[in-house]
Protein backbone atom coordinates (compact mmCIF):
# COMPACT_ATOMS: atom_id res chain seq x y z
CA MET A 1 26.91 12.97 31.08
CA VAL A 2 24.05 10.71 32.17
CA LYS A 3 22.04 11.11 35.38
CA ALA A 4 21.28 7.92 37.27
CA VAL A 5 17.64 7.34 38.26
CA ALA A 6 17.19 4.64 40.89
CA ALA A 7 14.04 2.62 41.40
CA GLY A 8 11.74 4.10 44.04
CA VAL A 9 13.53 7.46 44.18
CA PRO A 10 11.20 10.42 43.45
CA SER A 11 11.99 12.78 40.62
CA LEU A 12 12.93 16.33 41.58
CA ALA A 13 10.77 17.94 38.86
CA PRO A 14 8.09 15.40 37.90
CA PHE A 15 5.12 15.90 35.60
CA PHE A 16 2.92 14.02 38.02
CA ASP A 17 2.84 13.97 41.83
CA GLU A 18 4.44 10.63 42.69
CA SER A 19 2.51 10.33 45.92
CA GLY A 20 -0.59 9.62 43.85
CA GLY A 21 0.42 6.03 43.15
CA LEU A 22 0.56 6.36 39.40
CA GLY A 23 3.23 3.67 39.08
CA HIS A 24 5.03 1.12 41.23
CA ASP A 25 8.65 0.11 40.77
CA ALA A 26 9.93 -3.32 41.76
CA VAL A 27 13.14 -4.80 43.06
CA VAL A 28 14.80 -6.41 40.05
CA ARG A 29 18.45 -7.34 39.74
CA SER A 30 19.83 -6.04 36.44
CA GLN A 31 20.30 -8.86 33.96
CA ALA A 32 23.60 -9.32 32.19
CA VAL A 33 23.36 -8.81 28.44
CA GLN A 34 23.44 -12.33 27.00
CA GLN A 35 24.86 -11.25 23.69
CA ALA A 36 24.99 -7.68 22.53
CA VAL A 37 23.74 -7.04 19.03
CA HIS A 38 26.16 -4.15 18.76
CA GLY A 39 27.59 -2.80 21.92
CA SER A 40 24.61 -2.64 24.27
CA LEU A 41 21.88 -1.94 21.74
CA GLN A 42 18.77 -4.05 22.10
CA GLN A 43 15.86 -4.24 19.68
CA GLY A 44 12.44 -3.40 21.14
CA ASP A 45 10.88 -6.76 20.24
CA THR A 46 13.65 -8.84 21.83
CA PRO A 47 11.97 -11.62 23.85
CA GLY A 48 12.64 -11.18 27.55
CA LEU A 49 14.00 -7.65 27.20
CA TYR A 50 11.31 -6.51 29.62
CA GLY A 51 9.75 -8.04 32.68
CA GLY A 52 6.26 -8.21 34.03
CA THR A 53 4.36 -9.23 37.10
CA ARG A 54 0.97 -10.76 37.74
CA LYS A 55 0.30 -8.12 40.36
CA PRO A 56 -2.36 -5.65 39.23
CA THR A 57 -1.52 -2.15 38.12
CA ILE A 58 2.20 -1.49 38.02
CA CYS A 59 1.21 1.56 36.00
CA ASP A 60 -2.19 3.23 36.26
CA VAL A 61 -2.78 4.34 32.66
CA LYS A 62 -6.35 5.46 33.37
CA GLN A 63 -5.19 7.82 36.11
CA LEU A 64 -2.47 9.26 33.87
CA LYS A 65 -4.97 9.80 31.07
CA ALA A 66 -7.41 11.56 33.41
CA PHE A 67 -4.65 13.82 34.68
CA LEU A 68 -3.37 14.84 31.23
CA THR A 69 -6.85 15.45 29.81
CA ASP A 70 -8.01 17.55 32.75
CA PRO A 71 -8.27 21.21 31.59
CA VAL A 72 -6.57 22.27 34.83
CA ASN A 73 -3.38 20.53 33.65
CA ARG A 74 -3.54 21.86 30.10
CA GLN A 75 -0.08 23.47 30.31
CA LYS A 76 1.57 20.26 31.48
CA ALA A 77 -0.30 18.26 28.86
CA GLN A 78 0.99 20.55 26.14
CA ALA A 79 4.58 20.18 27.31
CA TRP A 80 4.15 16.41 27.70
CA ALA A 81 2.73 15.97 24.22
CA THR A 82 5.41 18.17 22.66
CA ALA A 83 8.15 16.02 24.19
CA LEU A 84 6.64 12.93 22.53
CA ASP A 85 5.91 14.70 19.25
CA ILE A 86 2.15 14.25 19.45
CA THR A 87 -0.79 16.64 19.89
CA THR A 88 -2.71 17.14 23.10
CA ALA A 89 -5.83 15.87 21.34
CA GLY A 90 -3.96 12.65 20.53
CA ILE A 91 -2.92 11.93 24.14
CA PRO A 92 -5.79 9.50 25.00
CA GLU A 93 -5.31 7.43 21.87
CA TYR A 94 -1.54 7.39 22.34
CA LEU A 95 -1.84 6.16 25.94
CA ASP A 96 -4.22 3.40 24.85
CA ARG A 97 -1.48 1.92 22.66
CA LEU A 98 1.13 1.81 25.44
CA THR A 99 1.92 -1.27 27.54
CA PRO A 100 3.21 -1.34 31.15
CA VAL A 101 6.40 -3.36 31.78
CA LEU A 102 9.29 -3.53 34.23
CA LEU A 103 12.85 -2.91 33.12
CA ARG A 104 15.11 -5.99 33.40
CA HIS A 105 18.25 -4.03 32.44
CA ASP A 106 19.65 -0.70 33.51
CA THR A 107 18.34 1.24 30.54
CA LEU A 108 19.51 4.47 28.90
CA VAL A 109 16.78 6.91 27.85
CA GLN A 110 16.22 10.59 27.18
CA ASN A 111 14.21 11.66 30.20
CA HIS A 112 12.33 14.94 30.79
CA ASP A 113 11.81 17.16 33.79
CA TYR A 114 8.97 19.67 33.97
CA LYS A 115 10.50 23.10 34.54
CA LYS A 116 9.13 26.57 33.77
CA ARG A 117 6.14 25.07 31.98
CA LYS A 118 8.36 23.17 29.56
CA ALA A 119 9.65 19.64 29.15
CA VAL A 120 13.42 19.82 29.70
CA PRO A 121 15.26 16.82 28.22
CA TYR A 122 18.27 15.12 29.80
CA ASN A 123 19.96 11.76 29.40
CA SER A 124 19.35 9.33 32.21
CA LEU A 125 20.02 5.75 33.21
CA LEU A 126 16.93 4.05 34.61
CA GLN A 127 17.60 1.25 37.07
CA ALA A 128 16.24 -2.23 36.43
CA GLY A 129 12.90 -2.64 38.19
CA ILE A 130 11.53 0.76 37.20
CA ALA A 131 8.02 0.59 35.72
CA VAL A 132 7.63 2.17 32.29
CA LEU A 133 5.14 2.26 29.48
CA VAL A 134 6.51 1.09 26.13
CA ASP A 135 5.10 1.81 22.68
CA GLU A 136 4.22 -0.59 19.86
CA GLN A 137 7.86 -0.86 18.79
CA GLY A 138 9.13 -1.60 22.28
CA LEU A 139 10.54 1.84 23.08
CA PRO A 140 10.18 3.23 26.63
CA ALA A 141 7.71 6.11 26.39
CA VAL A 142 6.66 7.05 29.93
CA LYS A 143 8.19 6.59 33.40
CA CYS A 144 5.19 5.39 35.35
CA SER A 145 5.82 6.73 38.85
CA CYS A 146 6.12 10.36 37.75
CA GLY A 147 4.56 10.39 34.28
CA ASN A 148 7.71 11.83 32.74
CA PRO A 149 7.84 11.34 28.94
CA LEU A 150 10.77 9.31 27.60
CA ARG A 151 12.50 9.24 24.24
CA PRO A 152 15.22 6.92 22.86
CA PHE A 153 18.82 7.44 23.92
CA THR A 154 20.71 8.25 20.72
CA ASP A 155 24.32 8.69 21.81
CA GLY A 156 26.95 5.97 21.98
CA THR A 157 26.49 3.58 24.90
CA ASN A 158 30.24 3.15 25.36
CA ARG A 159 30.95 6.87 25.80
CA ILE A 160 28.75 7.67 28.77
CA SER A 161 29.66 8.95 32.21
CA VAL A 162 26.95 8.08 34.75
CA LYS A 163 26.42 10.60 37.55
CA PHE A 164 24.86 9.35 40.82
CA GLU A 165 23.34 12.24 42.78
CA ASP A 166 20.15 13.67 44.31
CA GLY A 167 19.49 10.54 46.34
CA ASN A 168 20.22 8.22 43.45
CA ARG A 169 23.11 6.29 44.96
CA LYS A 170 24.97 3.68 42.98
CA TRP A 171 22.79 0.61 43.29
CA ARG A 172 23.87 -2.88 44.04
CA GLY A 173 24.62 -4.90 40.92
CA TYR A 174 25.33 -1.90 38.71
CA GLN A 175 27.73 -2.85 35.93
CA PRO A 176 28.51 -0.62 32.95
CA SER A 177 28.58 -3.76 30.77
CA SER A 178 24.93 -4.46 31.63
CA VAL A 179 23.67 -1.06 30.48
CA VAL A 180 21.45 -1.16 27.38
CA ALA A 181 19.80 1.28 25.01
CA VAL A 182 16.68 0.25 23.11
CA ARG A 183 16.21 0.63 19.38
CA PRO A 184 12.73 0.39 17.82
CA ALA A 185 11.53 -2.95 16.52
CA PRO A 186 11.23 -2.96 12.70
CA ARG A 187 7.49 -3.52 12.96
CA SER A 188 4.61 -2.65 15.26
CA MET A 189 4.13 -5.53 17.63
CA GLU A 190 0.88 -7.17 18.71
CA ARG A 191 2.23 -8.87 21.84
CA LEU A 192 5.18 -8.55 24.21
CA ALA A 193 7.04 -11.60 25.48
CA LEU A 194 7.93 -10.72 29.10
CA VAL A 195 9.65 -12.59 31.91
CA ASP A 196 7.89 -12.70 35.28
CA VAL A 197 10.25 -10.87 37.64
CA ASP A 198 8.91 -12.91 40.57
CA ASP A 199 9.38 -16.26 38.77
CA PRO A 200 11.89 -16.19 35.88
CA GLY A 201 10.74 -19.65 34.80
CA ARG A 202 7.40 -18.18 33.81
CA GLY A 203 6.88 -16.01 30.78
CA ILE A 204 4.07 -13.51 30.27
CA ASP A 205 2.53 -13.01 26.85
CA ARG A 206 0.96 -9.54 27.06
CA PRO A 207 -1.07 -8.03 24.22
CA VAL A 208 0.07 -4.50 23.30
CA GLY A 209 -2.13 -1.81 24.81
CA THR A 210 -3.30 -3.94 27.74
CA THR A 211 -2.34 -3.68 31.41
CA GLY A 212 -2.30 -7.34 32.41
CA GLY A 213 -5.94 -8.40 32.26
CA HIS A 214 -5.36 -10.43 29.07
CA ASP A 215 -2.00 -11.98 29.93
CA GLN A 216 -1.16 -15.56 29.09
CA THR A 217 1.74 -17.47 30.60
CA PHE A 218 4.33 -19.81 29.07
CA ASP A 219 7.36 -21.79 30.19
CA THR A 220 10.61 -19.90 29.62
CA ARG A 221 12.62 -23.04 30.44
CA LYS A 222 11.39 -24.83 27.34
CA GLN A 223 14.10 -25.21 24.70
CA ARG A 224 13.48 -23.73 21.26
CA ALA A 225 14.96 -25.02 18.03
CA VAL A 226 16.55 -22.53 15.63
CA PRO A 227 14.36 -22.56 12.49
CA ASP A 228 15.70 -22.86 8.95
CA LEU A 229 16.05 -19.25 7.87
CA ALA A 230 18.36 -19.53 4.85
CA GLY A 231 16.88 -17.76 1.83
CA THR A 232 14.38 -15.71 3.80
CA THR A 233 14.65 -11.96 4.21
CA PHE A 234 16.20 -10.49 7.32
CA GLY A 235 12.89 -8.88 8.26
CA ASP A 236 10.97 -12.15 8.00
CA ALA A 237 13.70 -14.04 9.85
CA SER A 238 13.58 -11.49 12.71
CA ARG A 239 9.86 -11.97 13.09
CA ARG A 240 10.09 -15.76 13.00
CA LEU A 241 12.76 -15.76 15.68
CA ALA A 242 10.81 -13.36 17.92
CA ASP A 243 7.69 -15.52 17.56
CA LYS A 244 9.69 -18.53 18.77
CA GLY A 245 11.06 -16.60 21.75
CA LEU A 246 14.54 -16.11 20.30
CA ALA A 247 16.41 -12.85 19.72
CA VAL A 248 17.99 -11.77 16.45
CA GLY A 249 21.66 -10.79 16.23
CA TYR A 250 23.72 -9.58 13.29
CA ASP A 251 27.26 -8.73 12.33
CA GLY A 252 28.36 -5.16 11.74
CA LYS A 253 27.45 -1.85 13.27
CA GLU A 254 24.14 -1.33 11.55
CA ARG A 255 21.04 -3.50 11.43
CA PRO A 256 20.79 -5.07 7.95
CA PRO A 257 17.94 -3.90 5.72
CA ASP A 258 14.76 -5.95 5.89
CA ASP A 259 15.09 -7.12 2.27
CA ALA A 260 18.59 -8.56 2.72
CA ARG A 261 18.70 -12.33 2.18
CA VAL A 262 19.75 -14.60 5.03
CA THR A 263 22.59 -16.94 4.06
CA ALA A 264 23.33 -18.64 7.39
CA SER A 265 22.61 -18.56 11.11
CA ASP A 266 24.80 -19.04 14.16
CA PRO A 267 23.96 -21.35 15.90
CA PRO A 268 22.82 -23.37 12.86
CA THR A 269 19.35 -24.69 12.12
CA GLY A 270 18.03 -27.15 14.68
CA THR A 271 20.14 -25.98 17.62
CA GLU A 272 18.20 -25.93 20.90
CA LEU A 273 18.31 -22.61 22.75
CA GLY A 274 16.70 -21.11 25.83
CA PHE A 275 14.15 -18.34 25.81
CA GLY A 276 15.58 -14.99 24.74
CA GLU A 277 18.90 -16.36 23.49
CA TYR A 278 20.41 -14.86 20.36
CA VAL A 279 20.71 -16.20 16.84
CA THR A 280 23.20 -14.23 14.72
CA LEU A 281 22.20 -14.00 11.06
CA SER A 282 24.56 -13.62 8.12
CA VAL A 283 23.01 -11.78 5.20
CA ALA A 284 23.78 -10.75 1.63
CA GLY A 285 22.45 -7.97 -0.58
CA GLY A 286 19.56 -5.76 0.36
CA THR A 287 19.11 -2.03 0.08
CA PRO A 288 19.28 0.36 3.04
CA GLY A 289 15.71 1.20 3.93
CA GLY A 290 14.42 -1.69 1.83
CA THR A 291 11.33 -3.44 3.07
CA SER A 292 10.84 -7.06 3.81
CA GLY A 293 10.42 -9.28 0.79
CA GLY A 294 12.47 -7.05 -1.48
CA ARG A 295 9.52 -4.97 -2.58
CA SER A 296 11.60 -1.85 -2.57
CA GLY A 297 15.19 -0.91 -2.85
CA GLY A 298 16.01 -1.62 -6.48
CA THR A 299 15.91 -5.39 -6.55
CA SER A 300 15.96 -7.13 -9.91
CA GLU A 301 12.24 -7.69 -10.13
CA GLY A 302 10.18 -7.09 -13.25
CA SER A 303 9.52 -3.53 -12.20
CA THR A 304 12.91 -2.33 -13.41
CA THR A 305 12.49 0.53 -15.84
CA PRO A 306 14.23 -0.11 -19.17
CA PRO A 307 16.74 2.37 -20.57
CA ALA A 308 15.62 4.82 -23.20
CA PRO A 309 16.16 3.55 -26.79
CA PRO A 310 19.08 5.04 -28.70
CA SER A 311 18.48 8.18 -30.68
CA THR A 312 17.28 7.80 -34.27
CA SER A 313 18.81 10.98 -35.53
CA GLY A 314 21.81 9.19 -37.04
CA PRO A 315 21.87 8.17 -40.74
CA PRO A 316 20.30 4.78 -41.47
CA SER A 317 23.46 3.60 -43.24
CA THR A 318 25.43 3.55 -40.00
CA ALA A 319 22.92 1.39 -38.12
CA PRO A 320 23.58 -2.09 -39.56
CA PRO A 321 27.27 -2.31 -38.64
CA SER A 322 26.74 -0.89 -35.15
CA SER A 323 23.74 -2.98 -34.15
CA PRO A 324 25.29 -6.48 -34.31
CA ALA A 325 28.36 -5.18 -32.52
CA SER A 326 26.31 -4.15 -29.53
CA PRO A 327 23.63 -6.72 -28.70
CA SER A 328 24.42 -5.63 -25.21
CA SER A 329 21.76 -3.24 -24.41
CA PRO A 330 23.09 -4.39 -21.06
CA SER A 331 20.27 -3.23 -18.90
CA SER A 332 17.53 -5.07 -20.67
CA PRO A 333 15.71 -7.24 -18.12
CA SER A 334 15.02 -9.80 -20.86
CA SER A 335 18.70 -10.68 -21.05
CA PRO A 336 19.34 -14.36 -20.11
CA SER A 337 21.95 -13.21 -17.59
CA SER A 338 19.30 -11.53 -15.46
CA PRO A 339 17.91 -13.87 -12.82
CA SER A 340 14.51 -12.30 -13.07
CA SER A 341 14.20 -12.57 -16.82
CA PRO A 342 12.40 -15.95 -16.99
CA SER A 343 9.66 -14.74 -14.67
CA SER A 344 9.16 -11.30 -16.16
CA PRO A 345 10.42 -11.11 -19.75
CA SER A 346 8.04 -8.39 -20.76
CA SER A 347 8.21 -6.20 -17.69
CA PRO A 348 10.49 -3.51 -19.15
CA SER A 349 7.83 -2.04 -21.37
CA SER A 350 4.61 -3.86 -22.14
CA PRO A 351 3.73 -6.84 -19.94
CA SER A 352 0.77 -7.66 -22.16
CA SER A 353 2.75 -7.81 -25.40
CA PRO A 354 2.49 -11.32 -26.96
CA SER A 355 5.94 -11.02 -28.45
CA ALA A 356 7.83 -10.55 -25.15
CA PRO A 357 7.78 -14.20 -23.95
CA SER A 358 9.32 -15.41 -27.20
CA SER A 359 12.15 -12.91 -26.93
CA SER A 360 13.13 -14.06 -23.44
CA GLY A 361 13.72 -17.57 -24.64
CA ALA A 362 16.27 -16.55 -27.26
CA GLY A 363 19.91 -16.93 -26.50
CA PRO A 364 22.31 -14.02 -26.83
CA SER A 365 23.79 -15.32 -30.08
CA SER A 366 20.49 -15.97 -31.87
CA SER A 367 18.93 -12.58 -31.35
CA PRO A 368 21.43 -9.73 -31.27
CA PRO A 369 18.73 -7.09 -31.51
CA THR A 370 16.90 -8.44 -28.43
CA SER A 371 18.63 -6.29 -25.85
CA SER A 372 19.41 -3.26 -27.95
CA ALA A 373 16.37 -1.59 -29.33
CA PRO A 374 17.01 -0.65 -33.01
CA PRO A 375 18.30 2.89 -33.27
CA SER A 376 15.54 3.81 -35.65
CA SER A 377 12.83 2.44 -33.43
CA LYS A 378 11.71 5.46 -31.58
CA ALA A 379 8.18 4.38 -30.86
CA PRO A 380 6.84 4.42 -27.31
CA PRO A 381 7.37 1.20 -25.36
CA SER A 382 3.61 0.51 -25.27
CA SER A 383 3.33 0.20 -29.06
CA GLU A 384 6.70 -1.24 -30.01
CA PRO A 385 8.26 -3.34 -27.19
CA PRO A 386 11.98 -3.96 -27.29
CA GLY A 387 11.22 -7.66 -27.62
CA SER A 388 9.57 -7.33 -31.07
CA PRO A 389 12.62 -7.45 -33.40
CA PRO A 390 13.81 -10.88 -32.14
CA THR A 391 10.37 -12.30 -32.90
CA THR A 392 10.74 -11.15 -36.49
CA ALA A 393 14.09 -12.90 -36.77
CA ARG A 394 12.57 -16.26 -35.97
CA SER A 395 9.11 -15.96 -37.47
CA SER A 396 9.51 -13.90 -40.67
CA PRO A 397 11.26 -15.21 -43.79
CA ALA A 398 14.26 -13.33 -45.13
CA GLY A 399 12.22 -11.97 -47.99
CA GLY A 400 9.50 -10.53 -45.86
CA PRO A 401 10.89 -8.72 -42.78
CA VAL A 402 7.51 -7.78 -41.43
CA THR A 403 7.52 -7.69 -37.62
CA SER A 404 4.69 -9.23 -35.65
CA SER A 405 3.68 -5.85 -34.35
CA ALA A 406 3.98 -3.95 -37.61
CA PRO A 407 1.32 -3.80 -40.44
CA PRO A 408 1.91 -5.56 -43.80
CA PRO A 409 4.48 -4.02 -46.16
CA SER A 410 1.79 -2.38 -48.23
CA ALA A 411 0.33 -0.58 -45.29
CA PRO A 412 2.10 2.57 -44.08
CA VAL A 413 3.99 2.15 -40.85
CA THR A 414 2.60 4.57 -38.33
CA THR A 415 3.60 3.43 -34.87
CA SER A 416 7.26 2.77 -35.35
CA ALA A 417 8.12 4.53 -38.57
CA PRO A 418 11.23 6.69 -38.51
CA PRO A 419 11.30 10.25 -39.77
CA PRO A 420 10.32 10.76 -43.44
CA GLU A 421 13.92 11.34 -44.54
CA THR A 422 14.93 7.99 -43.14
CA VAL A 423 12.12 6.22 -45.05
CA SER A 424 12.98 7.78 -48.37
CA ALA A 425 16.59 6.61 -48.38
CA PRO A 426 16.11 2.82 -48.64
CA ALA A 427 12.62 2.93 -50.15
CA THR A 428 13.40 4.91 -53.33
CA SER A 429 15.20 2.06 -55.08
CA SER A 430 12.24 -0.34 -55.22
CA PRO A 431 8.75 -1.12 -53.89
CA ALA A 432 9.83 -2.23 -50.51
CA THR A 433 9.38 -5.94 -50.06
CA SER A 434 11.73 -7.44 -52.62
CA GLU A 435 14.52 -4.90 -53.00
CA PRO A 436 15.58 -4.11 -49.40
CA PRO A 437 15.43 -7.69 -48.19
CA ALA A 438 17.37 -8.82 -51.21
CA SER A 439 20.19 -6.42 -50.51
CA SER A 440 20.43 -7.39 -46.85
CA ALA A 441 19.39 -11.05 -46.79
CA PRO A 442 22.50 -12.58 -48.43
CA ALA A 443 24.64 -11.26 -45.59
CA THR A 444 22.76 -13.70 -43.20
CA GLY A 445 19.40 -13.03 -41.56
CA GLU A 446 20.86 -11.49 -38.42
CA PRO A 447 22.55 -8.48 -40.00
CA ALA A 448 19.47 -7.83 -42.08
CA LEU A 449 17.28 -7.75 -39.03
CA SER A 450 19.79 -5.91 -36.91
CA GLY A 451 19.81 -3.11 -39.41
CA PRO A 452 17.02 -1.16 -37.77
CA ALA A 453 16.52 1.11 -40.79
CA SER A 454 15.71 -1.63 -43.25
CA ILE A 455 13.43 -3.55 -40.92
CA VAL A 456 11.32 -0.74 -39.62
CA ILE A 457 11.17 1.12 -42.90
CA THR A 458 9.68 -1.96 -44.57
């Protein structure tokens, strides 16, 4: 159930005495929704969603601030602030960030009456022409004439039943299909692109937090070309369209995440459109809640954390046959199949490691150990990057399997040495450098290097 609120009709239980001239509604015919994003949902930064006028003071913010900060009205101020989820001390700063506009659509909101010293919420439909204050994301926040706090309407717009009573008769031009509910813009805006309700051919560019003294005008009849948005993020594309005076549309029930990539637009690039017309974007990928530019949400950037290396508790003798069979270490970002690997080969563990760039250039067949860290390599990523073994395969001769990050054979291995029992097994037969390589080299260099025990032990 939704209560209709007509322009110019006083509220029965207002926060502010409406005879004081706090706000002034206008006569505005409700605009048909050009193209619904989903149902009747409109984004708060949609160009032309709201109207304006060059007449001074459609909403007296200074008077409202003085009323709510007067100690005499402390009880009302407390209820008002609670309804908007702010503190009474934060009221002046909050009001300074609001911007007066006129509704151009019959708009659904959660309204509030002041009863028994409390803000009592109820769903209402505000008629086009009502003056409201909107916040930095384009959400109606205050009904100007009575000072009632407003919150977003959260129910489905196609399941409402509008009730006209208490002097709020069904107004001329009311159409259920023209009813809208506003969703917050994905960013805090700096300016609002309004349409002059007295001259629709004139647009008003109003800085957020101002009441009209800094307005600039523009021609709403000027055609605007759809920019090339393919490859950009949905968040960036939305901003670019809004800056050009065009509205963003999308397929599906939910707004795509900001980091989703735009694949196409309808109409296509270069199409001339009027002010406030919609461009529907097709997107791919993205993570719910992801931010613009893909900086969050698990994208395949170099920040991906590598998997933990396999356990070294198994006997060294079982490592050689298993290592070549699984060069998959599938999650290694240095794998050639990962699109981000050329730009960030060393990101999984040690970006400063000199051996990482060389490992990213190796193909899957030339460096089996690249992706799968040797089972016996249990050293921390900072001292023994997963990319080290492949470097050994290309730079060290078969007779001297000394990795670039390990000390010479004569020096004891401290950073990546396996447990003592693992060292003693291969090392007891001979003094290291000649015997182990000789036993593994004939079987081709790859198996010898993929046998983690023999490489690291040496």
